[in-house]
N, C-alpha and C. Protein backbone atom coordinates (compact mmCIF):
# COMPACT_ATOMS: atom_id res chain seq x y z
N MET A 1 9.04 -9.52 -8.80
CA MET A 1 8.70 -8.71 -7.66
C MET A 1 7.33 -9.15 -7.12
N THR A 2 7.23 -9.32 -5.82
CA THR A 2 5.97 -9.76 -5.22
C THR A 2 5.02 -8.58 -4.99
N THR A 3 3.80 -8.90 -4.68
CA THR A 3 2.81 -7.86 -4.38
C THR A 3 3.27 -7.01 -3.21
N ILE A 4 3.80 -7.64 -2.18
CA ILE A 4 4.27 -6.90 -1.00
C ILE A 4 5.43 -5.99 -1.37
N ASP A 5 6.34 -6.47 -2.19
CA ASP A 5 7.46 -5.64 -2.65
C ASP A 5 6.94 -4.40 -3.38
N ASN A 6 5.94 -4.60 -4.22
CA ASN A 6 5.37 -3.47 -4.97
C ASN A 6 4.71 -2.47 -4.04
N ILE A 7 3.99 -2.96 -3.04
CA ILE A 7 3.34 -2.06 -2.08
C ILE A 7 4.38 -1.26 -1.32
N GLU A 8 5.42 -1.93 -0.85
CA GLU A 8 6.48 -1.25 -0.11
C GLU A 8 7.16 -0.19 -0.98
N ARG A 9 7.37 -0.50 -2.24
CA ARG A 9 8.00 0.45 -3.16
C ARG A 9 7.13 1.70 -3.31
N VAL A 10 5.84 1.50 -3.49
CA VAL A 10 4.92 2.62 -3.66
C VAL A 10 4.86 3.45 -2.37
N LEU A 11 4.82 2.79 -1.22
CA LEU A 11 4.78 3.52 0.04
C LEU A 11 6.05 4.35 0.25
N ARG A 12 7.19 3.80 -0.12
CA ARG A 12 8.44 4.57 -0.02
C ARG A 12 8.40 5.79 -0.94
N GLN A 13 7.84 5.61 -2.13
CA GLN A 13 7.72 6.74 -3.06
C GLN A 13 6.80 7.81 -2.50
N LEU A 14 5.68 7.40 -1.92
CA LEU A 14 4.74 8.36 -1.34
C LEU A 14 5.39 9.11 -0.18
N GLU A 15 6.15 8.40 0.65
CA GLU A 15 6.86 9.04 1.76
C GLU A 15 7.87 10.06 1.24
N ALA A 16 8.59 9.69 0.18
CA ALA A 16 9.58 10.59 -0.40
C ALA A 16 8.93 11.86 -0.94
N LEU A 17 7.68 11.74 -1.38
CA LEU A 17 6.95 12.90 -1.89
C LEU A 17 6.33 13.72 -0.76
N GLY A 18 6.47 13.24 0.47
CA GLY A 18 5.96 13.97 1.61
C GLY A 18 4.55 13.62 2.01
N ASP A 19 3.99 12.57 1.44
CA ASP A 19 2.63 12.16 1.81
C ASP A 19 2.63 11.55 3.21
N ASN A 20 1.57 11.84 3.97
CA ASN A 20 1.39 11.25 5.29
C ASN A 20 0.68 9.92 5.11
N LEU A 21 1.35 8.84 5.47
CA LEU A 21 0.80 7.50 5.27
C LEU A 21 -0.05 7.04 6.45
N GLU A 22 -0.26 7.91 7.43
CA GLU A 22 -1.03 7.54 8.62
C GLU A 22 -2.54 7.70 8.43
N TYR A 23 -2.96 8.24 7.31
CA TYR A 23 -4.39 8.42 7.08
C TYR A 23 -5.06 7.09 6.81
N PRO A 24 -6.22 6.84 7.43
CA PRO A 24 -6.96 5.59 7.17
C PRO A 24 -7.32 5.43 5.69
N SER A 25 -7.51 6.53 4.99
CA SER A 25 -7.87 6.44 3.58
C SER A 25 -6.75 5.82 2.75
N THR A 26 -5.50 6.02 3.16
CA THR A 26 -4.37 5.42 2.45
C THR A 26 -4.43 3.90 2.58
N GLU A 27 -4.69 3.43 3.79
CA GLU A 27 -4.80 1.99 4.02
C GLU A 27 -5.96 1.40 3.24
N THR A 28 -7.09 2.08 3.26
CA THR A 28 -8.27 1.61 2.54
C THR A 28 -8.01 1.53 1.05
N MET A 29 -7.34 2.55 0.51
CA MET A 29 -7.04 2.58 -0.91
C MET A 29 -6.14 1.39 -1.30
N ILE A 30 -5.14 1.12 -0.48
CA ILE A 30 -4.23 0.01 -0.77
C ILE A 30 -4.98 -1.31 -0.70
N GLU A 31 -5.75 -1.50 0.38
CA GLU A 31 -6.48 -2.75 0.54
C GLU A 31 -7.48 -2.98 -0.59
N SER A 32 -8.09 -1.93 -1.07
CA SER A 32 -9.09 -2.09 -2.14
C SER A 32 -8.48 -2.55 -3.45
N ASN A 33 -7.17 -2.37 -3.58
CA ASN A 33 -6.49 -2.77 -4.81
C ASN A 33 -5.76 -4.11 -4.69
N LEU A 34 -5.84 -4.73 -3.52
CA LEU A 34 -5.18 -6.02 -3.33
C LEU A 34 -6.11 -7.16 -3.73
N PRO A 35 -5.54 -8.23 -4.25
CA PRO A 35 -6.37 -9.39 -4.57
C PRO A 35 -6.84 -10.05 -3.26
N PRO A 36 -8.01 -10.67 -3.28
CA PRO A 36 -8.55 -11.32 -2.07
C PRO A 36 -7.59 -12.34 -1.46
N SER A 37 -6.82 -13.01 -2.27
CA SER A 37 -5.90 -14.02 -1.75
C SER A 37 -4.84 -13.41 -0.83
N VAL A 38 -4.48 -12.17 -1.07
CA VAL A 38 -3.50 -11.49 -0.21
C VAL A 38 -4.17 -11.03 1.08
N LEU A 39 -5.39 -10.55 0.99
CA LEU A 39 -6.09 -10.05 2.17
C LEU A 39 -6.46 -11.15 3.14
N ASN A 40 -6.64 -12.36 2.65
CA ASN A 40 -7.04 -13.47 3.51
C ASN A 40 -5.89 -14.09 4.27
N LYS A 41 -4.68 -13.67 4.01
CA LYS A 41 -3.51 -14.26 4.68
C LYS A 41 -3.25 -13.57 5.98
């Protein structure tokens, strides 16, 4: 499973739990946990 696959899986789980994924803090949290090689692409 790739990093992107894992992120998509987690986002689907959060949506299923009713979390609002539109908050900037959600994006920041995800980006802070990504390796630099992914962010530079």
